Protein backbone atom coordinates (compact mmCIF):
# COMPACT_ATOMS: atom_id res chain seq x y z
CA MET A 1 -26.56 -0.86 -8.89
CA GLN A 2 -24.58 0.53 -11.70
CA THR A 3 -20.73 1.07 -11.01
CA LYS A 4 -18.71 4.03 -12.37
CA GLY A 5 -15.82 3.60 -14.53
CA ALA A 6 -12.24 4.53 -13.43
CA GLU A 7 -12.65 8.07 -14.43
CA GLY A 8 -15.69 8.57 -12.05
CA ARG A 9 -13.38 7.32 -9.11
CA ARG A 10 -10.55 10.02 -9.82
CA ILE A 11 -10.65 13.66 -8.69
CA THR A 12 -7.90 16.37 -8.79
CA ALA A 13 -7.00 18.46 -6.16
CA SER A 14 -4.05 20.58 -5.11
CA ARG A 15 -1.97 18.73 -2.65
CA ARG A 16 -2.18 22.01 -0.24
CA ASP A 17 -5.99 21.56 -0.16
CA PHE A 18 -5.77 18.00 0.38
CA LEU A 19 -3.49 18.44 3.42
CA ALA A 20 -5.87 20.96 4.92
CA TYR A 21 -8.79 18.73 4.49
CA LEU A 22 -10.42 21.07 2.01
CA THR A 23 -11.00 18.19 -0.63
CA VAL A 24 -14.44 16.47 -0.81
CA CYS A 25 -15.59 13.08 -1.52
CA PRO A 26 -17.21 12.94 -4.82
CA PHE A 27 -19.88 10.50 -3.62
CA CYS A 28 -21.16 12.17 -0.32
CA GLY A 29 -19.38 15.53 0.05
CA GLU A 30 -17.47 14.54 3.07
CA HIS A 31 -14.13 16.62 3.74
CA VAL A 32 -11.22 14.10 3.43
CA GLY A 33 -7.44 14.45 3.76
CA PRO A 34 -4.21 12.57 4.69
CA ARG A 35 -5.69 10.79 7.34
CA PHE A 36 -7.99 8.73 5.02
CA VAL A 37 -5.23 7.52 2.51
CA THR A 38 -4.92 3.92 1.95
CA ARG A 39 -1.97 4.07 -0.72
CA GLU A 40 0.23 6.63 -2.07
CA HIS A 41 1.29 6.38 -5.64
CA ALA A 42 4.87 7.47 -6.18
CA ASP A 43 5.74 6.24 -9.48
CA VAL A 44 5.58 9.38 -11.52
CA PRO A 45 8.03 12.14 -11.23
CA PRO A 46 8.76 14.97 -10.46
CA ASN A 47 7.20 15.34 -7.09
CA PRO A 48 6.05 11.90 -5.54
CA PRO A 49 3.38 11.15 -4.34
CA TYR A 50 1.42 12.32 -7.44
CA ALA A 51 -1.78 10.61 -6.19
CA ALA A 52 -3.45 8.84 -3.22
CA SER A 53 -6.01 6.34 -2.93
CA VAL A 54 -8.53 7.41 -0.44
CA LYS A 55 -11.53 5.59 1.54
CA CYS A 56 -14.13 8.02 2.68
CA PRO A 57 -14.77 7.82 6.41
CA ARG A 58 -18.64 8.47 5.82
CA CYS A 59 -19.67 6.47 2.84
CA ARG A 60 -16.79 4.07 2.63
CA GLU A 61 -16.09 4.63 -1.29
CA LEU A 62 -12.65 4.21 -2.43
CA TYR A 63 -11.37 6.68 -5.21
CA GLU A 64 -8.10 8.40 -6.19
CA VAL A 65 -7.18 11.98 -5.78
CA LEU A 66 -4.63 13.27 -8.42
CA PHE A 67 -2.63 16.29 -7.15
CA SER A 68 -2.43 19.06 -9.27
């Protein structure tokens, strides 16, 4: 199995869409939201958190959602 690089594990979404579970997993298409966050990344200003690590409930893949 070939693994994707870091860029393949990052998606960009608006914070509003993420909070409303309108963001989809890039691997299986499952709708994800704040319930599936494993870690928030709050080290870049101006509006932390600027990103969140997410674990998909269906396929169990880990990836990062960058907030636009």
